Amino acid sequence: MDFKPNNICKRVVLLVYTLVIFCVYPVIVDDAYFNITITKTNFFQKATVIGVICFIIAVILDIIIHKYYDIQDNLLKDDNKPFYTKPVFWMEMFALSNVIAWYMTDCSKNAISGSNARYMGLAMYLIIAVAFICIVTYTEISKIAVVAFAITSVYTYMIGIIQHLEIDVQYWKTGERSGFEFMYYRERLSANQFDIYMSTFGNINIFSSFIVISLCLFLGLFIFTSVNYMKLISGTVVVLGGATLMIANSDSGYIGVAGALFLLFLLSYNNGKVKSFLISLILLACGNLLVVLMNNFAVEEYDKRGGFAQALDRMDLSLMIIIGLVMVYLLVHYLAENKKEALDKLNKKLITKIIIISTVIIGLIAVIVGNAMGIATFTFNDKWGTYRGFVWSRAWNIFCDAPLVNKLFGYGNETFGVYMNAYYYDDMKEIVGKIYDNAHNELLQYLITLGILGLVAYLGVFVSSVIYMLKNSKGNYLVYGFVAATVGYFAQSLINLNQPITTPLYFVVMALGVGYTSYLRKQDGDYDQVSSK
């Protein structure tokens, strides 16, 4: 970080806050997994409130000490743009929708903390909103923070890999501790819970959510950076992330990474980075192969997989994927070296549109044909997606049966479980055998709890942030990393749940991307571009 006279106090505060959220928040655990939700909630809220207070003080100090009135002018530079293009506007609307939803609920006290469910209540969203608005104003990202996040990601991945190798379960099985004693997060779990809790995140779906954020961020960095040490660090995260993605055994993780990869492919094609994109896929495939080797030669009993992970857990298929990707890479390399003039004449924007439209059409055809053939993946019923079909259909019924005022403004923060219990308690006990306090789809969750207003505001934050980053990225590899993480989380959230363990991290990462993009726009030159050394 270059500590220029302008913004020095603000930059120090944002650096410290980013390090805390990137390094401490993901790994902090108290009493193993038994109160991990409360632990993460309290830590994020306290750290962010302190960070916001320090940020406000820092802004005042910068104005007093440095008299940098030009920065005030810079902050107003975007005022001529339509309000609906600004992420801050949509975040303010999202915060307002949470306040209105809280006012609408009959459980106003519990709705503040979110204690009815997963502690994503009014207090959490107001803290997220204030932090988001502070960060997006003008943020310089320090490479120190990025490298620190890579170290944290590798640490959490390695815990998952060690758990998969059964090294940290010797106490659970024999009562004898080993050198990995500090990793005994699961020693108090019962046998039927053991394979669904992992690393410093608890439930495997939540761990997958973190993997998506971190892995997608470093996929973007690996593809677009020309800084050698950043390429090496990012590549390491990609390999280990690809391995841990299979170990986490959650389809939501694969969906999130696939969504980010689709965006990264389009960006790679338009920036002449297709070869780097293919190398990133090869690294992911190598990570997958690493776990397949573990499963064949090192892992004994603990090998319970399903969905995409089960399909990829084959030695022959893993090797075929790597060989196929290498062949495609060689073909692309040949074309780039021998057909460069012809390739340069292609209309990249038109081809990008054709790829997007073709993908949508192929997807629709696959769903229609798959449904007609009775293929389980494409047949929506109560059992679809590990009973996500059950909870989604009931959630939609709750919304359709709601009074108009609740359709518009929701039933209140974290009230989904209240209404599922009120209308579908018997169904949950008889059909699924479990009680749902979350829709396992963030869009449906916000539709029920915050209404149409809240859902539109939430989508507005996501869409405006992604568009802002893409339009003003200046070819910056850090921006591409943050936008990939944002898209990846959003994609996985379509079949996953919001919670205080990774959802706040998503908003912070998105804010950092928007804030750094804003910082780049206000510079005379471009920094850390695709072509930079």
Protein backbone atom coordinates (compact mmCIF):
# COMPACT_ATOMS: atom_id res chain seq x y z
CA MET A 1 0.00 0.00 0.00
CA ASP A 2 1.31 3.42 -0.98
CA PHE A 3 0.54 5.76 1.93
CA LYS A 4 0.05 9.02 0.06
CA PRO A 5 -0.90 12.14 2.04
CA ASN A 6 -4.52 11.90 0.95
CA ASN A 7 -6.72 9.39 2.77
CA ILE A 8 -3.89 7.97 4.87
CA CYS A 9 -6.01 7.48 8.02
CA LYS A 10 -8.89 6.04 6.04
CA ARG A 11 -6.57 3.66 4.19
CA VAL A 12 -5.02 2.35 7.40
CA VAL A 13 -8.45 1.69 8.91
CA LEU A 14 -9.68 -0.10 5.79
CA LEU A 15 -6.50 -2.19 5.62
CA VAL A 16 -6.82 -3.29 9.24
CA TYR A 17 -10.54 -4.02 8.85
CA THR A 18 -9.94 -6.01 5.65
CA LEU A 19 -7.22 -8.06 7.35
CA VAL A 20 -9.54 -8.79 10.27
CA ILE A 21 -12.37 -9.94 7.98
CA PHE A 22 -10.05 -11.89 5.67
CA CYS A 23 -7.85 -13.52 8.32
CA VAL A 24 -9.62 -13.72 11.68
CA TYR A 25 -13.32 -13.95 10.81
CA PRO A 26 -13.05 -17.12 8.66
CA VAL A 27 -11.02 -19.11 11.21
CA ILE A 28 -12.42 -18.04 14.57
CA VAL A 29 -14.17 -20.94 16.30
CA ASP A 30 -15.41 -21.27 19.88
CA ASP A 31 -16.53 -24.56 21.43
CA ALA A 32 -15.99 -26.45 18.17
CA TYR A 33 -19.10 -26.36 15.97
CA PHE A 34 -21.70 -26.12 18.72
CA ASN A 35 -22.03 -22.34 18.87
CA ILE A 36 -20.18 -21.42 15.68
CA THR A 37 -23.11 -19.37 14.36
CA ILE A 38 -23.25 -17.17 17.46
CA THR A 39 -19.46 -16.88 17.56
CA LYS A 40 -19.22 -15.70 13.95
CA THR A 41 -22.21 -13.37 14.39
CA ASN A 42 -20.78 -11.65 17.45
CA PHE A 43 -17.31 -11.34 15.97
CA PHE A 44 -18.44 -9.86 12.65
CA GLN A 45 -20.86 -7.41 14.25
CA LYS A 46 -18.40 -6.15 16.86
CA ALA A 47 -15.48 -5.95 14.43
CA THR A 48 -17.57 -4.09 11.86
CA VAL A 49 -19.10 -1.62 14.33
CA ILE A 50 -15.60 -0.80 15.62
CA GLY A 51 -14.36 -0.57 12.03
CA VAL A 52 -17.13 1.84 11.01
CA ILE A 53 -16.51 4.08 14.04
CA CYS A 54 -12.78 4.15 13.26
CA PHE A 55 -13.56 4.84 9.60
CA ILE A 56 -15.67 7.89 10.46
CA ILE A 57 -12.95 9.20 12.80
CA ALA A 58 -10.35 8.56 10.09
CA VAL A 59 -12.29 10.57 7.51
CA ILE A 60 -12.53 13.50 9.93
CA LEU A 61 -8.82 13.27 10.76
CA ASP A 62 -7.85 13.18 7.09
CA ILE A 63 -9.88 16.31 6.42
CA ILE A 64 -8.44 18.14 9.42
CA ILE A 65 -4.81 17.04 9.02
CA HIS A 66 -4.36 17.01 5.27
CA LYS A 67 -6.98 19.50 4.09
CA TYR A 68 -7.57 17.40 0.98
CA TYR A 69 -10.71 19.05 -0.34
CA ASP A 70 -10.07 17.55 -3.79
CA ILE A 71 -11.11 14.20 -2.36
CA GLN A 72 -14.48 15.65 -1.43
CA ASP A 73 -14.90 16.68 -5.03
CA ASN A 74 -13.93 13.15 -6.14
CA LEU A 75 -16.59 11.62 -3.94
CA LEU A 76 -19.23 13.59 -5.84
CA LYS A 77 -17.90 12.72 -9.26
CA ASP A 78 -20.53 10.04 -9.96
CA ASP A 79 -23.52 12.23 -9.07
CA ASN A 80 -24.45 12.83 -12.70
CA LYS A 81 -25.14 9.13 -13.23
CA PRO A 82 -28.68 7.72 -12.85
CA PHE A 83 -29.40 6.72 -9.25
CA TYR A 84 -30.40 3.18 -10.24
CA THR A 85 -26.86 2.45 -11.46
CA LYS A 86 -25.31 3.11 -8.05
CA PRO A 87 -24.70 0.19 -5.65
CA VAL A 88 -24.98 2.56 -2.67
CA PHE A 89 -28.56 3.49 -3.62
CA TRP A 90 -29.61 -0.15 -3.78
CA MET A 91 -27.90 -0.93 -0.49
CA GLU A 92 -29.77 1.94 1.13
CA MET A 93 -33.00 0.49 -0.28
CA PHE A 94 -32.03 -2.95 1.02
CA ALA A 95 -31.43 -1.52 4.50
CA LEU A 96 -34.77 0.33 4.33
CA SER A 97 -36.58 -2.87 3.31
CA ASN A 98 -35.13 -4.62 6.37
CA VAL A 99 -36.38 -1.82 8.62
CA ILE A 100 -39.87 -1.97 7.09
CA ALA A 101 -39.93 -5.76 7.37
CA TRP A 102 -38.95 -5.51 11.02
CA TYR A 103 -41.80 -3.03 11.57
CA MET A 104 -44.23 -5.47 9.91
CA THR A 105 -43.35 -8.52 12.01
CA ASP A 106 -45.10 -9.71 15.14
CA CYS A 107 -41.75 -10.86 16.55
CA SER A 108 -39.98 -7.51 16.52
CA LYS A 109 -37.52 -8.32 19.32
CA ASN A 110 -36.37 -11.60 17.82
CA ALA A 111 -36.33 -10.03 14.35
CA ILE A 112 -33.66 -7.55 15.47
CA SER A 113 -31.19 -10.28 16.40
CA GLY A 114 -32.57 -12.98 14.10
CA SER A 115 -32.55 -15.40 17.02
CA ASN A 116 -35.60 -17.18 15.60
CA ALA A 117 -33.31 -18.74 13.03
CA ARG A 118 -29.72 -17.98 11.96
CA TYR A 119 -29.09 -14.50 13.41
CA MET A 120 -29.46 -12.69 10.09
CA GLY A 121 -31.80 -10.17 11.64
CA LEU A 122 -32.24 -6.41 11.29
CA ALA A 123 -29.10 -5.64 13.32
CA MET A 124 -26.89 -7.75 11.06
CA TYR A 125 -28.21 -6.23 7.83
CA LEU A 126 -27.96 -2.67 9.11
CA ILE A 127 -24.34 -3.30 10.11
CA ILE A 128 -23.66 -4.85 6.69
CA ALA A 129 -25.30 -1.88 4.95
CA VAL A 130 -23.26 0.73 6.82
CA ALA A 131 -20.03 -1.18 6.24
CA PHE A 132 -20.86 -1.58 2.54
CA ILE A 133 -21.53 2.13 2.10
CA CYS A 134 -18.30 3.10 3.89
CA ILE A 135 -16.16 0.69 1.87
CA VAL A 136 -17.52 1.54 -1.58
CA THR A 137 -16.84 5.26 -1.27
CA TYR A 138 -13.15 5.01 -2.04
CA THR A 139 -11.07 1.91 -1.26
CA GLU A 140 -7.50 1.08 -2.17
CA ILE A 141 -6.90 -2.66 -1.93
CA SER A 142 -3.55 -3.61 -0.45
CA LYS A 143 -1.89 -6.68 -1.91
CA ILE A 144 -0.97 -7.51 1.68
CA ALA A 145 -4.66 -8.19 2.35
CA VAL A 146 -4.99 -10.31 -0.78
CA VAL A 147 -1.98 -12.46 0.11
CA ALA A 148 -3.25 -12.76 3.69
CA PHE A 149 -6.61 -13.99 2.41
CA ALA A 150 -4.80 -16.57 0.27
CA ILE A 151 -3.01 -17.86 3.39
CA THR A 152 -6.28 -18.02 5.33
CA SER A 153 -7.97 -19.85 2.46
CA VAL A 154 -5.17 -22.42 2.22
CA TYR A 155 -5.31 -22.91 6.01
CA THR A 156 -9.04 -23.65 5.97
CA TYR A 157 -8.64 -25.89 2.91
CA MET A 158 -5.86 -27.87 4.62
CA ILE A 159 -7.99 -28.46 7.70
CA GLY A 160 -10.68 -29.90 5.43
CA ILE A 161 -8.12 -32.09 3.64
CA ILE A 162 -6.63 -33.30 6.94
CA GLN A 163 -10.11 -34.13 8.20
CA HIS A 164 -10.82 -36.01 4.99
CA LEU A 165 -7.63 -38.04 5.47
CA GLU A 166 -8.97 -38.96 8.94
CA ILE A 167 -5.85 -37.58 10.63
CA ASP A 168 -7.88 -35.42 13.01
CA VAL A 169 -10.34 -38.17 13.90
CA GLN A 170 -7.91 -40.46 15.70
CA TYR A 171 -9.08 -39.12 19.05
CA TRP A 172 -12.69 -39.62 18.00
CA LYS A 173 -11.91 -43.23 17.06
CA THR A 174 -9.24 -44.29 19.57
CA GLY A 175 -9.15 -41.68 22.34
CA GLU A 176 -5.48 -40.93 21.59
CA ARG A 177 -4.45 -37.42 20.57
CA SER A 178 -1.85 -36.63 17.93
CA GLY A 179 0.16 -33.63 16.74
CA PHE A 180 -3.00 -32.31 15.04
CA GLU A 181 -4.78 -31.86 18.36
CA PHE A 182 -5.55 -28.19 17.62
CA MET A 183 -7.68 -29.31 14.69
CA TYR A 184 -10.11 -31.44 16.73
CA TYR A 185 -13.15 -29.44 15.77
CA ARG A 186 -15.34 -32.52 15.41
CA GLU A 187 -14.38 -34.64 18.40
CA ARG A 188 -17.75 -34.03 20.12
CA LEU A 189 -19.90 -34.90 17.09
CA SER A 190 -21.97 -38.04 16.90
CA ALA A 191 -21.31 -40.59 14.19
CA ASN A 192 -24.26 -39.52 12.02
CA GLN A 193 -23.09 -35.88 12.08
CA PHE A 194 -19.43 -36.50 11.42
CA ASP A 195 -19.45 -36.32 7.63
CA ILE A 196 -21.40 -33.06 7.35
CA TYR A 197 -19.21 -30.73 9.46
CA MET A 198 -15.88 -29.48 8.21
CA SER A 199 -13.01 -27.01 8.64
CA THR A 200 -13.76 -23.77 10.53
CA PHE A 201 -17.23 -23.34 9.05
CA GLY A 202 -19.33 -26.19 10.36
CA ASN A 203 -21.88 -27.46 7.86
CA ILE A 204 -20.40 -28.55 4.53
CA ASN A 205 -22.80 -26.30 2.58
CA ILE A 206 -21.47 -23.28 4.45
CA PHE A 207 -17.87 -24.41 3.97
CA SER A 208 -18.63 -24.76 0.25
CA SER A 209 -19.95 -21.21 0.28
CA PHE A 210 -16.59 -19.98 1.60
CA ILE A 211 -14.70 -22.11 -0.92
CA VAL A 212 -16.71 -20.47 -3.70
CA ILE A 213 -15.86 -16.94 -2.52
CA SER A 214 -12.15 -17.59 -2.04
CA LEU A 215 -11.60 -19.96 -4.96
CA CYS A 216 -13.43 -17.76 -7.47
CA LEU A 217 -11.54 -14.68 -6.30
CA PHE A 218 -8.19 -16.36 -6.88
CA LEU A 219 -9.33 -17.91 -10.16
CA GLY A 220 -9.87 -14.36 -11.40
CA LEU A 221 -6.49 -13.27 -10.09
CA PHE A 222 -4.69 -16.24 -11.61
CA ILE A 223 -6.21 -15.75 -15.06
CA PHE A 224 -5.63 -12.02 -15.38
CA THR A 225 -2.55 -11.12 -13.36
CA SER A 226 0.89 -10.83 -14.89
CA VAL A 227 2.55 -10.40 -11.49
CA ASN A 228 4.58 -13.58 -11.01
CA TYR A 229 4.25 -13.99 -7.24
CA MET A 230 0.51 -13.33 -7.42
CA LYS A 231 0.21 -15.94 -10.19
CA LEU A 232 2.02 -18.50 -8.02
CA ILE A 233 -0.05 -17.75 -4.91
CA SER A 234 -3.33 -17.78 -6.85
CA GLY A 235 -2.43 -21.04 -8.60
CA THR A 236 -1.76 -22.72 -5.27
CA VAL A 237 -5.16 -21.62 -3.94
CA VAL A 238 -6.85 -22.86 -7.13
CA VAL A 239 -5.33 -26.36 -6.87
CA LEU A 240 -6.13 -26.79 -3.19
CA GLY A 241 -9.55 -25.15 -3.65
CA GLY A 242 -10.37 -27.58 -6.44
CA ALA A 243 -9.45 -30.45 -4.12
CA THR A 244 -11.42 -29.14 -1.16
CA LEU A 245 -14.46 -28.45 -3.32
CA MET A 246 -14.88 -32.20 -3.80
CA ILE A 247 -14.17 -32.92 -0.14
CA ALA A 248 -16.87 -30.43 0.94
CA ASN A 249 -19.32 -32.54 -1.07
CA SER A 250 -21.90 -29.83 -1.80
CA ASP A 251 -23.47 -29.29 -5.22
CA SER A 252 -23.97 -25.62 -4.37
CA GLY A 253 -20.19 -25.21 -4.44
CA TYR A 254 -19.91 -26.61 -7.94
CA ILE A 255 -22.77 -24.43 -9.15
CA GLY A 256 -21.13 -21.32 -7.70
CA VAL A 257 -17.76 -22.06 -9.29
CA ALA A 258 -19.43 -22.90 -12.62
CA GLY A 259 -21.25 -19.55 -12.60
CA ALA A 260 -18.02 -17.66 -11.94
CA LEU A 261 -16.14 -19.67 -14.57
CA PHE A 262 -18.72 -18.80 -17.21
CA LEU A 263 -18.19 -15.10 -16.52
CA LEU A 264 -14.40 -15.54 -16.39
CA PHE A 265 -14.45 -17.34 -19.73
CA LEU A 266 -16.24 -14.42 -21.38
CA LEU A 267 -13.82 -11.95 -19.80
CA SER A 268 -10.85 -14.13 -20.78
CA TYR A 269 -12.00 -14.29 -24.39
CA ASN A 270 -12.48 -10.53 -24.61
CA ASN A 271 -9.12 -9.81 -22.94
CA GLY A 272 -7.05 -12.37 -24.87
CA LYS A 273 -6.55 -14.58 -21.81
CA VAL A 274 -8.13 -17.84 -23.00
CA LYS A 275 -4.90 -19.80 -22.47
CA SER A 276 -4.66 -18.59 -18.88
CA PHE A 277 -8.30 -19.56 -18.40
CA LEU A 278 -7.58 -23.09 -19.66
CA ILE A 279 -4.57 -23.39 -17.37
CA SER A 280 -6.82 -22.45 -14.42
CA LEU A 281 -9.20 -25.27 -15.42
CA ILE A 282 -6.27 -27.69 -15.58
CA LEU A 283 -5.23 -26.64 -12.07
CA LEU A 284 -8.79 -27.21 -10.83
CA ALA A 285 -8.79 -30.63 -12.46
CA CYS A 286 -5.44 -31.44 -10.82
CA GLY A 287 -6.97 -30.56 -7.45
CA ASN A 288 -9.84 -32.93 -8.20
CA LEU A 289 -7.37 -35.67 -9.16
CA LEU A 290 -5.52 -35.14 -5.89
CA VAL A 291 -8.64 -36.05 -3.92
CA VAL A 292 -9.39 -39.03 -6.17
CA LEU A 293 -5.91 -40.33 -5.39
CA MET A 294 -6.58 -39.81 -1.67
CA ASN A 295 -9.83 -41.72 -1.94
CA ASN A 296 -8.15 -44.63 -3.72
CA PHE A 297 -4.97 -44.92 -1.67
CA ALA A 298 -5.32 -43.10 1.66
CA VAL A 299 -8.94 -42.76 2.81
CA GLU A 300 -10.64 -45.78 4.33
CA GLU A 301 -14.15 -45.44 5.76
CA TYR A 302 -14.82 -41.72 5.47
CA ASP A 303 -15.73 -41.52 1.81
CA LYS A 304 -19.37 -40.48 1.59
CA ARG A 305 -20.10 -38.43 -1.50
CA GLY A 306 -23.05 -37.60 -3.75
CA GLY A 307 -24.04 -35.35 -6.62
CA PHE A 308 -21.26 -33.76 -8.69
CA ALA A 309 -18.56 -34.91 -6.26
CA GLN A 310 -19.62 -38.53 -6.67
CA ALA A 311 -19.62 -38.22 -10.46
CA LEU A 312 -16.10 -36.75 -10.45
CA ASP A 313 -14.70 -39.28 -7.96
CA ARG A 314 -13.31 -41.56 -10.66
CA MET A 315 -9.68 -42.01 -11.63
CA ASP A 316 -10.38 -42.58 -15.32
CA LEU A 317 -12.68 -39.58 -15.62
CA SER A 318 -10.27 -37.30 -13.70
CA LEU A 319 -7.39 -38.22 -16.01
CA MET A 320 -9.56 -37.84 -19.11
CA ILE A 321 -10.61 -34.33 -18.02
CA ILE A 322 -6.98 -33.25 -17.56
CA ILE A 323 -5.88 -34.79 -20.86
CA GLY A 324 -8.84 -33.19 -22.65
CA LEU A 325 -8.08 -29.76 -21.22
CA VAL A 326 -4.40 -30.06 -22.16
CA MET A 327 -5.39 -30.94 -25.73
CA VAL A 328 -7.73 -27.96 -25.91
CA TYR A 329 -4.94 -25.74 -24.55
CA LEU A 330 -2.54 -26.99 -27.23
CA LEU A 331 -5.14 -26.34 -29.92
CA VAL A 332 -5.76 -22.80 -28.66
CA HIS A 333 -2.00 -22.20 -28.48
CA TYR A 334 -1.61 -23.39 -32.08
CA LEU A 335 -4.42 -21.13 -33.30
CA ALA A 336 -3.04 -18.16 -31.37
CA GLU A 337 0.40 -18.63 -32.93
CA ASN A 338 -0.61 -19.51 -36.50
CA LYS A 339 -4.05 -17.92 -37.03
CA LYS A 340 -3.62 -14.71 -35.08
CA GLU A 341 -4.66 -12.37 -37.91
CA ALA A 342 -7.86 -14.28 -38.60
CA LEU A 343 -8.73 -14.44 -34.92
CA ASP A 344 -8.13 -10.72 -34.48
CA LYS A 345 -10.70 -9.98 -37.18
CA LEU A 346 -13.48 -11.77 -35.30
CA ASN A 347 -16.17 -9.61 -33.70
CA LYS A 348 -15.65 -10.47 -30.03
CA LYS A 349 -18.75 -8.64 -28.81
CA LEU A 350 -20.97 -10.49 -31.28
CA ILE A 351 -19.41 -13.84 -30.41
CA THR A 352 -19.87 -13.11 -26.70
CA LYS A 353 -23.58 -12.44 -27.27
CA ILE A 354 -23.90 -15.65 -29.31
CA ILE A 355 -22.24 -17.66 -26.51
CA ILE A 356 -24.60 -16.23 -23.88
CA ILE A 357 -27.74 -16.75 -25.96
CA SER A 358 -26.66 -20.26 -27.00
CA THR A 359 -25.97 -21.21 -23.37
CA VAL A 360 -29.44 -20.05 -22.33
CA ILE A 361 -31.12 -21.92 -25.19
CA ILE A 362 -29.16 -25.13 -24.57
CA GLY A 363 -30.00 -24.91 -20.86
CA LEU A 364 -33.72 -24.53 -21.56
CA ILE A 365 -33.68 -27.44 -24.02
CA ALA A 366 -31.84 -29.61 -21.49
CA VAL A 367 -34.43 -28.83 -18.80
CA ILE A 368 -37.39 -29.51 -21.12
CA VAL A 369 -35.98 -32.74 -22.58
CA GLY A 370 -34.69 -33.94 -19.22
CA ASN A 371 -38.07 -33.34 -17.62
CA ALA A 372 -39.85 -35.16 -20.47
CA MET A 373 -37.50 -38.14 -20.07
CA GLY A 374 -38.07 -38.23 -16.33
CA ILE A 375 -34.41 -37.59 -15.41
CA ALA A 376 -34.29 -36.82 -11.69
CA THR A 377 -32.02 -33.78 -12.08
CA PHE A 378 -34.58 -32.08 -14.33
CA THR A 379 -37.75 -33.31 -12.61
CA PHE A 380 -38.90 -30.87 -9.94
CA ASN A 381 -40.74 -32.50 -7.05
CA ASP A 382 -40.52 -32.63 -3.26
CA LYS A 383 -37.38 -34.80 -3.34
CA TRP A 384 -35.53 -32.65 -5.88
CA GLY A 385 -32.20 -31.27 -4.62
CA THR A 386 -32.20 -33.12 -1.29
CA TYR A 387 -35.76 -31.93 -0.58
CA ARG A 388 -35.15 -28.40 -1.74
CA GLY A 389 -38.14 -28.95 -4.00
CA PHE A 390 -40.21 -29.49 -0.86
CA VAL A 391 -39.16 -26.31 0.92
CA TRP A 392 -39.20 -24.15 -2.24
CA SER A 393 -42.74 -25.15 -3.20
CA ARG A 394 -43.99 -24.47 0.34
CA ALA A 395 -42.13 -21.15 0.45
CA TRP A 396 -43.79 -20.10 -2.81
CA ASN A 397 -47.20 -21.07 -1.41
CA ILE A 398 -46.55 -18.95 1.69
CA PHE A 399 -45.76 -15.97 -0.53
CA CYS A 400 -48.79 -16.50 -2.80
CA ASP A 401 -51.13 -16.80 0.19
CA ALA A 402 -49.72 -13.72 1.93
CA PRO A 403 -51.74 -10.47 2.16
CA LEU A 404 -50.70 -7.78 -0.32
CA VAL A 405 -48.86 -5.77 2.32
CA ASN A 406 -46.74 -8.80 3.23
CA LYS A 407 -46.12 -9.58 -0.42
CA LEU A 408 -44.67 -6.09 -0.78
CA PHE A 409 -42.79 -5.77 2.51
CA GLY A 410 -42.42 -9.32 3.82
CA TYR A 411 -43.24 -11.06 7.07
CA GLY A 412 -40.15 -9.84 8.91
CA ASN A 413 -36.48 -10.66 9.35
CA GLU A 414 -35.80 -14.37 9.95
CA THR A 415 -39.50 -15.28 10.16
CA PHE A 416 -39.41 -17.99 7.50
CA GLY A 417 -39.29 -20.78 10.07
CA VAL A 418 -42.22 -19.29 11.99
CA TYR A 419 -44.53 -19.56 8.98
CA MET A 420 -43.20 -22.94 7.88
CA ASN A 421 -44.01 -24.25 11.35
CA ALA A 422 -47.43 -22.60 11.30
CA TYR A 423 -48.54 -24.02 7.93
CA TYR A 424 -46.35 -27.04 7.15
CA TYR A 425 -45.16 -28.51 10.44
CA ASP A 426 -46.81 -31.88 9.83
CA ASP A 427 -45.47 -32.01 6.27
CA MET A 428 -41.94 -31.33 7.47
CA LYS A 429 -42.11 -34.06 10.11
CA GLU A 430 -43.78 -36.67 7.88
CA ILE A 431 -42.20 -36.03 4.46
CA VAL A 432 -38.71 -34.74 5.26
CA GLY A 433 -38.20 -35.52 8.93
CA LYS A 434 -36.64 -32.14 9.70
CA ILE A 435 -37.72 -28.58 10.47
CA TYR A 436 -36.80 -25.77 8.07
CA ASP A 437 -35.99 -22.27 9.29
CA ASN A 438 -34.56 -21.15 5.94
CA ALA A 439 -35.70 -21.46 2.32
CA HIS A 440 -32.29 -22.74 1.14
CA ASN A 441 -32.57 -20.20 -1.67
CA GLU A 442 -31.64 -16.62 -0.83
CA LEU A 443 -34.03 -15.10 -3.36
CA LEU A 444 -36.99 -16.99 -1.89
CA GLN A 445 -35.76 -16.23 1.62
CA TYR A 446 -35.76 -12.48 0.95
CA LEU A 447 -39.08 -12.69 -0.90
CA ILE A 448 -40.77 -14.18 2.19
CA THR A 449 -39.00 -12.17 4.87
CA LEU A 450 -38.47 -8.81 3.11
CA GLY A 451 -41.11 -8.96 0.37
CA ILE A 452 -40.85 -7.79 -3.21
CA LEU A 453 -39.21 -4.53 -2.10
CA GLY A 454 -36.43 -6.36 -0.29
CA LEU A 455 -35.84 -8.85 -3.09
CA VAL A 456 -35.64 -6.12 -5.74
CA ALA A 457 -33.23 -4.12 -3.56
CA TYR A 458 -31.04 -7.19 -2.97
CA LEU A 459 -30.91 -7.93 -6.70
CA GLY A 460 -30.21 -4.26 -7.31
CA VAL A 461 -27.15 -4.36 -5.06
CA PHE A 462 -25.79 -7.42 -6.86
CA VAL A 463 -26.55 -6.34 -10.45
CA SER A 464 -25.42 -2.72 -10.07
CA SER A 465 -22.21 -3.79 -8.31
CA VAL A 466 -21.29 -6.35 -10.99
CA ILE A 467 -22.05 -3.93 -13.83
CA TYR A 468 -20.12 -1.12 -12.14
CA MET A 469 -17.07 -3.33 -11.64
CA LEU A 470 -17.13 -4.70 -15.19
CA LYS A 471 -17.67 -1.31 -16.85
CA ASN A 472 -14.97 0.50 -14.87
CA SER A 473 -12.44 -2.24 -14.16
CA LYS A 474 -9.71 -0.75 -16.39
CA GLY A 475 -8.61 -4.34 -17.03
CA ASN A 476 -7.58 -4.72 -13.38
CA TYR A 477 -6.99 -8.28 -12.22
CA LEU A 478 -8.05 -7.53 -8.64
CA VAL A 479 -11.41 -6.20 -9.82
CA TYR A 480 -11.93 -9.30 -11.96
CA GLY A 481 -11.18 -11.44 -8.91
CA PHE A 482 -13.72 -9.63 -6.76
CA VAL A 483 -16.42 -9.71 -9.43
CA ALA A 484 -15.84 -13.46 -9.92
CA ALA A 485 -16.23 -14.03 -6.16
CA THR A 486 -19.42 -11.95 -6.16
CA VAL A 487 -20.96 -13.86 -9.07
CA GLY A 488 -19.85 -17.22 -7.65
CA TYR A 489 -21.48 -16.60 -4.28
CA PHE A 490 -24.70 -15.38 -5.90
CA ALA A 491 -24.88 -18.49 -8.10
CA GLN A 492 -24.43 -20.88 -5.18
CA SER A 493 -26.91 -18.91 -3.07
CA LEU A 494 -29.68 -20.02 -5.44
CA ILE A 495 -29.63 -23.40 -3.71
CA ASN A 496 -27.99 -22.42 -0.42
CA LEU A 497 -28.92 -20.42 2.66
CA ASN A 498 -27.93 -17.03 4.05
CA GLN A 499 -26.18 -17.14 7.42
CA PRO A 500 -23.68 -15.06 9.45
CA ILE A 501 -20.70 -17.30 8.61
CA THR A 502 -20.18 -16.45 4.92
CA THR A 503 -23.00 -14.10 3.83
CA PRO A 504 -21.43 -11.01 5.51
CA LEU A 505 -18.12 -11.91 3.84
CA TYR A 506 -19.90 -11.86 0.47
CA PHE A 507 -21.14 -8.31 1.03
CA VAL A 508 -17.68 -7.16 2.18
CA VAL A 509 -15.97 -8.73 -0.85
CA MET A 510 -18.51 -7.13 -3.18
CA ALA A 511 -18.02 -3.75 -1.47
CA LEU A 512 -14.24 -4.04 -1.73
CA GLY A 513 -14.56 -4.72 -5.46
CA VAL A 514 -16.83 -1.72 -6.01
CA GLY A 515 -14.70 0.50 -3.77
CA TYR A 516 -11.48 -0.44 -5.50
CA THR A 517 -13.11 0.12 -8.89
CA SER A 518 -14.14 3.57 -7.69
CA TYR A 519 -10.55 4.18 -6.55
CA LEU A 520 -9.20 3.24 -9.99
CA ARG A 521 -11.62 5.62 -11.70
CA LYS A 522 -10.25 8.50 -9.68
CA GLN A 523 -6.63 7.91 -10.59
CA ASP A 524 -4.76 9.63 -13.42
CA GLY A 525 -3.32 6.32 -14.59
CA ASP A 526 -4.30 2.66 -14.53
CA TYR A 527 -2.92 0.38 -11.84
CA ASP A 528 -2.37 -3.39 -11.81
CA GLN A 529 -3.85 -3.87 -15.25
CA VAL A 530 -3.89 -7.17 -17.10
CA SER A 531 -0.72 -6.09 -18.88
CA SER A 532 1.07 -4.80 -15.77
CA LYS A 533 4.26 -6.39 -14.50
